Amino acid sequence: MNLGSLDRKITIRQPVITTNTGNEQVITYSDFATVWAKKVNKSGAETQQSFERTAIVETIFTIRYLAGLTDKMIIVDDDSLQYNITFINEIERRKYFHVSCFRRDNSNV
């Protein structure tokens, strides 16, 4: 892999359970790591329910191996878009990960 193709910074965030003022448990996210990545949009689809249109985009981020990375984490890219991690594929034994994600955008029709 050409290291120059890791051309954007992403932040990987991990879920943290906290308690709000109503004494209810809520999930928030804290930064786990900020790394260089290559971003490739693989596919997209659009659905509509009631009066809401939803775009679903599958994206793969290639990053260097990162110990502790799980599919419970999210990725925030340099455009502040958030992605849910769905699958992590190790490439070349502890050298790289291909991290498959989905991003959802909602807009009213």
N, C-alpha and C. Protein backbone atom coordinates (compact mmCIF):
# COMPACT_ATOMS: atom_id res chain seq x y z
N MET A 1 0.83 -1.18 0.00
CA MET A 1 0.00 0.00 0.00
C MET A 1 0.88 1.24 0.00
N ASN A 2 0.53 2.20 -0.80
CA ASN A 2 1.24 3.47 -0.88
C ASN A 2 0.78 4.36 0.28
N LEU A 3 1.70 4.72 1.17
CA LEU A 3 1.34 5.53 2.33
C LEU A 3 0.80 6.89 1.94
N GLY A 4 1.15 7.38 0.76
CA GLY A 4 0.64 8.67 0.30
C GLY A 4 -0.85 8.66 0.03
N SER A 5 -1.44 7.47 -0.13
CA SER A 5 -2.88 7.40 -0.39
C SER A 5 -3.69 7.58 0.89
N LEU A 6 -3.04 7.55 2.05
CA LEU A 6 -3.72 7.86 3.32
C LEU A 6 -3.73 9.38 3.44
N ASP A 7 -4.72 10.00 2.80
CA ASP A 7 -4.67 11.44 2.57
C ASP A 7 -5.65 12.28 3.39
N ARG A 8 -6.32 11.68 4.35
CA ARG A 8 -7.25 12.46 5.18
C ARG A 8 -7.23 11.98 6.62
N LYS A 9 -7.43 12.90 7.52
CA LYS A 9 -7.47 12.55 8.94
C LYS A 9 -8.89 12.20 9.33
N ILE A 10 -9.02 11.11 10.09
CA ILE A 10 -10.31 10.72 10.64
C ILE A 10 -10.15 10.55 12.15
N THR A 11 -11.24 10.71 12.86
CA THR A 11 -11.23 10.47 14.29
C THR A 11 -12.12 9.27 14.57
N ILE A 12 -11.58 8.32 15.28
CA ILE A 12 -12.34 7.14 15.68
C ILE A 12 -12.80 7.39 17.11
N ARG A 13 -14.10 7.22 17.33
CA ARG A 13 -14.67 7.51 18.64
C ARG A 13 -15.28 6.25 19.22
N GLN A 14 -15.16 6.08 20.54
CA GLN A 14 -15.68 4.90 21.21
C GLN A 14 -16.88 5.26 22.08
N PRO A 15 -17.85 4.33 22.21
CA PRO A 15 -19.02 4.62 23.02
C PRO A 15 -18.68 4.62 24.52
N VAL A 16 -19.33 5.53 25.23
CA VAL A 16 -19.18 5.64 26.67
C VAL A 16 -20.58 5.80 27.25
N ILE A 17 -20.92 5.00 28.25
CA ILE A 17 -22.23 5.12 28.88
C ILE A 17 -22.11 6.13 30.03
N THR A 18 -22.96 7.15 29.97
CA THR A 18 -22.97 8.18 31.00
C THR A 18 -24.39 8.31 31.55
N THR A 19 -24.54 9.07 32.60
CA THR A 19 -25.84 9.30 33.20
C THR A 19 -26.20 10.77 33.01
N ASN A 20 -27.41 11.02 32.50
CA ASN A 20 -27.83 12.41 32.27
C ASN A 20 -28.47 12.98 33.54
N THR A 21 -28.97 14.22 33.45
CA THR A 21 -29.54 14.89 34.62
C THR A 21 -30.81 14.22 35.12
N GLY A 22 -31.47 13.45 34.27
CA GLY A 22 -32.66 12.70 34.68
C GLY A 22 -32.32 11.33 35.23
N ASN A 23 -31.04 11.10 35.51
CA ASN A 23 -30.54 9.83 36.05
C ASN A 23 -30.78 8.65 35.10
N GLU A 24 -30.80 8.94 33.78
CA GLU A 24 -30.95 7.91 32.76
C GLU A 24 -29.59 7.65 32.11
N GLN A 25 -29.34 6.41 31.76
CA GLN A 25 -28.08 6.09 31.08
C GLN A 25 -28.21 6.42 29.60
N VAL A 26 -27.22 7.13 29.08
CA VAL A 26 -27.18 7.50 27.67
C VAL A 26 -25.79 7.17 27.11
N ILE A 27 -25.74 6.93 25.81
CA ILE A 27 -24.46 6.65 25.16
C ILE A 27 -23.92 7.93 24.56
N THR A 28 -22.70 8.27 24.94
CA THR A 28 -21.97 9.37 24.33
C THR A 28 -20.70 8.78 23.73
N TYR A 29 -19.92 9.57 23.03
CA TYR A 29 -18.70 9.07 22.40
C TYR A 29 -17.51 9.91 22.81
N SER A 30 -16.39 9.24 23.03
CA SER A 30 -15.14 9.93 23.32
C SER A 30 -14.10 9.52 22.28
N ASP A 31 -13.13 10.38 22.05
CA ASP A 31 -12.11 10.11 21.04
C ASP A 31 -11.25 8.92 21.46
N PHE A 32 -11.06 7.98 20.53
CA PHE A 32 -10.20 6.82 20.73
C PHE A 32 -8.86 7.04 20.04
N ALA A 33 -8.90 7.53 18.80
CA ALA A 33 -7.67 7.79 18.04
C ALA A 33 -7.98 8.69 16.85
N THR A 34 -6.98 9.47 16.45
CA THR A 34 -7.04 10.24 15.21
C THR A 34 -5.93 9.71 14.32
N VAL A 35 -6.31 9.26 13.11
CA VAL A 35 -5.37 8.58 12.22
C VAL A 35 -5.54 9.07 10.79
N TRP A 36 -4.55 8.78 9.96
CA TRP A 36 -4.63 9.05 8.53
C TRP A 36 -5.33 7.89 7.84
N ALA A 37 -6.15 8.19 6.83
CA ALA A 37 -6.94 7.16 6.16
C ALA A 37 -7.12 7.47 4.68
N LYS A 38 -7.46 6.43 3.95
CA LYS A 38 -7.91 6.55 2.56
C LYS A 38 -9.41 6.26 2.58
N LYS A 39 -10.19 7.08 1.92
CA LYS A 39 -11.64 6.94 1.91
C LYS A 39 -12.12 6.58 0.51
N VAL A 40 -12.94 5.52 0.42
CA VAL A 40 -13.53 5.11 -0.86
C VAL A 40 -15.02 4.85 -0.63
N ASN A 41 -15.87 5.61 -1.33
CA ASN A 41 -17.31 5.35 -1.29
C ASN A 41 -17.60 4.19 -2.23
N LYS A 42 -18.19 3.12 -1.69
CA LYS A 42 -18.42 1.90 -2.48
C LYS A 42 -19.79 1.88 -3.15
N SER A 43 -20.84 2.25 -2.43
CA SER A 43 -22.18 2.18 -3.01
C SER A 43 -23.09 3.13 -2.28
N GLY A 44 -24.22 3.39 -2.89
CA GLY A 44 -25.20 4.27 -2.28
C GLY A 44 -26.60 3.82 -2.64
N ALA A 45 -27.54 4.14 -1.78
CA ALA A 45 -28.94 3.81 -2.02
C ALA A 45 -29.78 4.89 -1.36
N GLU A 46 -31.05 4.93 -1.75
CA GLU A 46 -31.95 5.90 -1.17
C GLU A 46 -33.28 5.23 -0.91
N THR A 47 -33.84 5.48 0.27
CA THR A 47 -35.15 4.95 0.62
C THR A 47 -36.02 6.10 1.09
N GLN A 48 -37.34 5.84 1.09
CA GLN A 48 -38.25 6.87 1.57
C GLN A 48 -39.33 6.21 2.40
N GLN A 49 -39.52 6.73 3.61
CA GLN A 49 -40.58 6.28 4.50
C GLN A 49 -41.34 7.51 4.95
N SER A 50 -42.66 7.45 4.85
CA SER A 50 -43.52 8.60 5.14
C SER A 50 -43.04 9.79 4.32
N PHE A 51 -42.65 10.86 4.97
CA PHE A 51 -42.19 12.05 4.25
C PHE A 51 -40.70 12.28 4.43
N GLU A 52 -39.97 11.23 4.76
CA GLU A 52 -38.54 11.37 5.01
C GLU A 52 -37.74 10.53 4.02
N ARG A 53 -36.79 11.17 3.38
CA ARG A 53 -35.92 10.49 2.44
C ARG A 53 -34.60 10.18 3.16
N THR A 54 -34.10 8.97 3.01
CA THR A 54 -32.86 8.56 3.68
C THR A 54 -31.88 8.05 2.64
N ALA A 55 -30.68 8.63 2.63
CA ALA A 55 -29.61 8.15 1.76
C ALA A 55 -28.68 7.28 2.60
N ILE A 56 -28.31 6.13 2.05
CA ILE A 56 -27.41 5.21 2.74
C ILE A 56 -26.17 5.06 1.87
N VAL A 57 -25.00 5.38 2.41
CA VAL A 57 -23.75 5.32 1.66
C VAL A 57 -22.81 4.35 2.35
N GLU A 58 -22.31 3.36 1.59
CA GLU A 58 -21.29 2.45 2.13
C GLU A 58 -19.92 3.02 1.79
N THR A 59 -19.08 3.11 2.80
CA THR A 59 -17.74 3.68 2.64
C THR A 59 -16.72 2.74 3.27
N ILE A 60 -15.55 2.64 2.64
CA ILE A 60 -14.45 1.86 3.21
C ILE A 60 -13.29 2.80 3.49
N PHE A 61 -12.84 2.80 4.74
CA PHE A 61 -11.65 3.54 5.13
C PHE A 61 -10.51 2.55 5.27
N THR A 62 -9.37 2.86 4.69
CA THR A 62 -8.16 2.07 4.88
C THR A 62 -7.28 2.84 5.84
N ILE A 63 -6.89 2.16 6.94
CA ILE A 63 -6.05 2.78 7.95
C ILE A 63 -4.93 1.81 8.32
N ARG A 64 -3.89 2.31 8.95
CA ARG A 64 -2.87 1.42 9.50
C ARG A 64 -3.48 0.62 10.64
N TYR A 65 -2.89 -0.54 10.92
CA TYR A 65 -3.37 -1.39 12.01
C TYR A 65 -3.49 -0.56 13.29
N LEU A 66 -4.58 -0.76 14.02
CA LEU A 66 -4.84 -0.02 15.24
C LEU A 66 -5.40 -0.98 16.28
N ALA A 67 -4.58 -1.32 17.27
CA ALA A 67 -5.01 -2.25 18.32
C ALA A 67 -6.20 -1.67 19.07
N GLY A 68 -7.18 -2.51 19.35
CA GLY A 68 -8.35 -2.10 20.13
C GLY A 68 -9.53 -1.61 19.32
N LEU A 69 -9.38 -1.48 18.01
CA LEU A 69 -10.47 -1.03 17.15
C LEU A 69 -11.59 -2.07 17.14
N THR A 70 -12.85 -1.63 17.33
CA THR A 70 -13.99 -2.56 17.30
C THR A 70 -15.10 -2.00 16.42
N ASP A 71 -16.07 -2.85 16.09
CA ASP A 71 -17.20 -2.42 15.28
C ASP A 71 -18.28 -1.70 16.09
N LYS A 72 -18.03 -1.46 17.36
CA LYS A 72 -18.94 -0.66 18.19
C LYS A 72 -18.59 0.83 18.11
N MET A 73 -17.47 1.15 17.50
CA MET A 73 -16.99 2.52 17.40
C MET A 73 -17.57 3.21 16.17
N ILE A 74 -17.40 4.53 16.11
CA ILE A 74 -17.82 5.30 14.94
C ILE A 74 -16.61 6.07 14.41
N ILE A 75 -16.73 6.51 13.16
CA ILE A 75 -15.69 7.32 12.54
C ILE A 75 -16.29 8.68 12.19
N VAL A 76 -15.52 9.73 12.46
CA VAL A 76 -15.88 11.09 12.05
C VAL A 76 -14.79 11.53 11.08
N ASP A 77 -15.19 11.86 9.84
CA ASP A 77 -14.17 12.23 8.85
C ASP A 77 -13.87 13.73 8.91
N ASP A 78 -12.98 14.17 8.03
CA ASP A 78 -12.54 15.57 8.05
C ASP A 78 -13.62 16.55 7.58
N ASP A 79 -14.76 16.03 7.11
CA ASP A 79 -15.91 16.86 6.76
C ASP A 79 -16.97 16.83 7.85
N SER A 80 -16.63 16.24 9.01
CA SER A 80 -17.52 16.09 10.17
C SER A 80 -18.70 15.15 9.91
N LEU A 81 -18.58 14.28 8.91
CA LEU A 81 -19.61 13.27 8.67
C LEU A 81 -19.34 12.07 9.56
N GLN A 82 -20.41 11.45 10.07
CA GLN A 82 -20.26 10.31 10.97
C GLN A 82 -20.62 9.01 10.27
N TYR A 83 -19.86 7.97 10.58
CA TYR A 83 -20.02 6.65 9.97
C TYR A 83 -20.09 5.59 11.06
N ASN A 84 -21.03 4.66 10.93
CA ASN A 84 -21.10 3.52 11.83
C ASN A 84 -20.24 2.39 11.25
N ILE A 85 -19.32 1.87 12.03
CA ILE A 85 -18.47 0.77 11.58
C ILE A 85 -19.28 -0.51 11.55
N THR A 86 -19.24 -1.24 10.42
CA THR A 86 -19.98 -2.49 10.30
C THR A 86 -19.07 -3.71 10.22
N PHE A 87 -17.84 -3.53 9.72
CA PHE A 87 -16.94 -4.67 9.55
C PHE A 87 -15.50 -4.17 9.48
N ILE A 88 -14.60 -4.90 10.13
CA ILE A 88 -13.18 -4.56 10.11
C ILE A 88 -12.43 -5.75 9.52
N ASN A 89 -11.72 -5.51 8.41
CA ASN A 89 -10.98 -6.57 7.73
C ASN A 89 -9.48 -6.29 7.83
N GLU A 90 -8.75 -7.20 8.48
CA GLU A 90 -7.31 -7.03 8.62
C GLU A 90 -6.61 -7.39 7.32
N ILE A 91 -5.70 -6.52 6.87
CA ILE A 91 -4.96 -6.71 5.63
C ILE A 91 -3.48 -6.86 5.96
N GLU A 92 -2.84 -7.85 5.40
CA GLU A 92 -1.41 -8.08 5.59
C GLU A 92 -1.03 -8.10 7.06
N ARG A 93 -1.50 -9.04 7.78
CA ARG A 93 -1.25 -9.27 9.20
C ARG A 93 -0.68 -8.07 9.97
N ARG A 94 -1.57 -7.39 10.62
CA ARG A 94 -1.26 -6.24 11.47
C ARG A 94 -0.58 -5.07 10.76
N LYS A 95 -0.87 -4.92 9.47
CA LYS A 95 -0.35 -3.75 8.75
C LYS A 95 -1.46 -2.74 8.51
N TYR A 96 -2.60 -3.19 7.99
CA TYR A 96 -3.70 -2.31 7.63
C TYR A 96 -5.04 -2.91 7.99
N PHE A 97 -6.03 -2.03 8.10
CA PHE A 97 -7.43 -2.43 8.22
C PHE A 97 -8.20 -1.79 7.08
N HIS A 98 -9.13 -2.55 6.50
CA HIS A 98 -10.19 -1.98 5.67
C HIS A 98 -11.39 -1.94 6.60
N VAL A 99 -11.88 -0.75 6.87
CA VAL A 99 -12.98 -0.56 7.80
C VAL A 99 -14.23 -0.19 7.00
N SER A 100 -15.19 -1.12 6.95
CA SER A 100 -16.44 -0.87 6.22
C SER A 100 -17.41 -0.13 7.13
N CYS A 101 -18.06 0.88 6.57
CA CYS A 101 -18.96 1.74 7.35
C CYS A 101 -20.19 2.10 6.53
N PHE A 102 -21.22 2.56 7.24
CA PHE A 102 -22.39 3.14 6.60
C PHE A 102 -22.63 4.53 7.17
N ARG A 103 -22.95 5.44 6.29
CA ARG A 103 -23.31 6.80 6.68
C ARG A 103 -24.75 7.03 6.27
N ARG A 104 -25.52 7.64 7.15
CA ARG A 104 -26.92 7.93 6.84
C ARG A 104 -27.13 9.43 6.85
N ASP A 105 -27.81 9.92 5.83
CA ASP A 105 -28.21 11.33 5.75
C ASP A 105 -29.72 11.37 5.61
N ASN A 106 -30.36 12.17 6.45
CA ASN A 106 -31.81 12.33 6.37
C ASN A 106 -32.14 13.74 5.92
N SER A 107 -33.11 13.84 5.05
CA SER A 107 -33.58 15.16 4.66
C SER A 107 -35.09 15.06 4.39
N ASN A 108 -35.81 16.10 4.74
CA ASN A 108 -37.26 16.10 4.51
C ASN A 108 -37.54 16.38 3.05
N VAL A 109 -38.58 15.74 2.55
CA VAL A 109 -38.97 15.90 1.15
C VAL A 109 -39.85 17.11 0.99
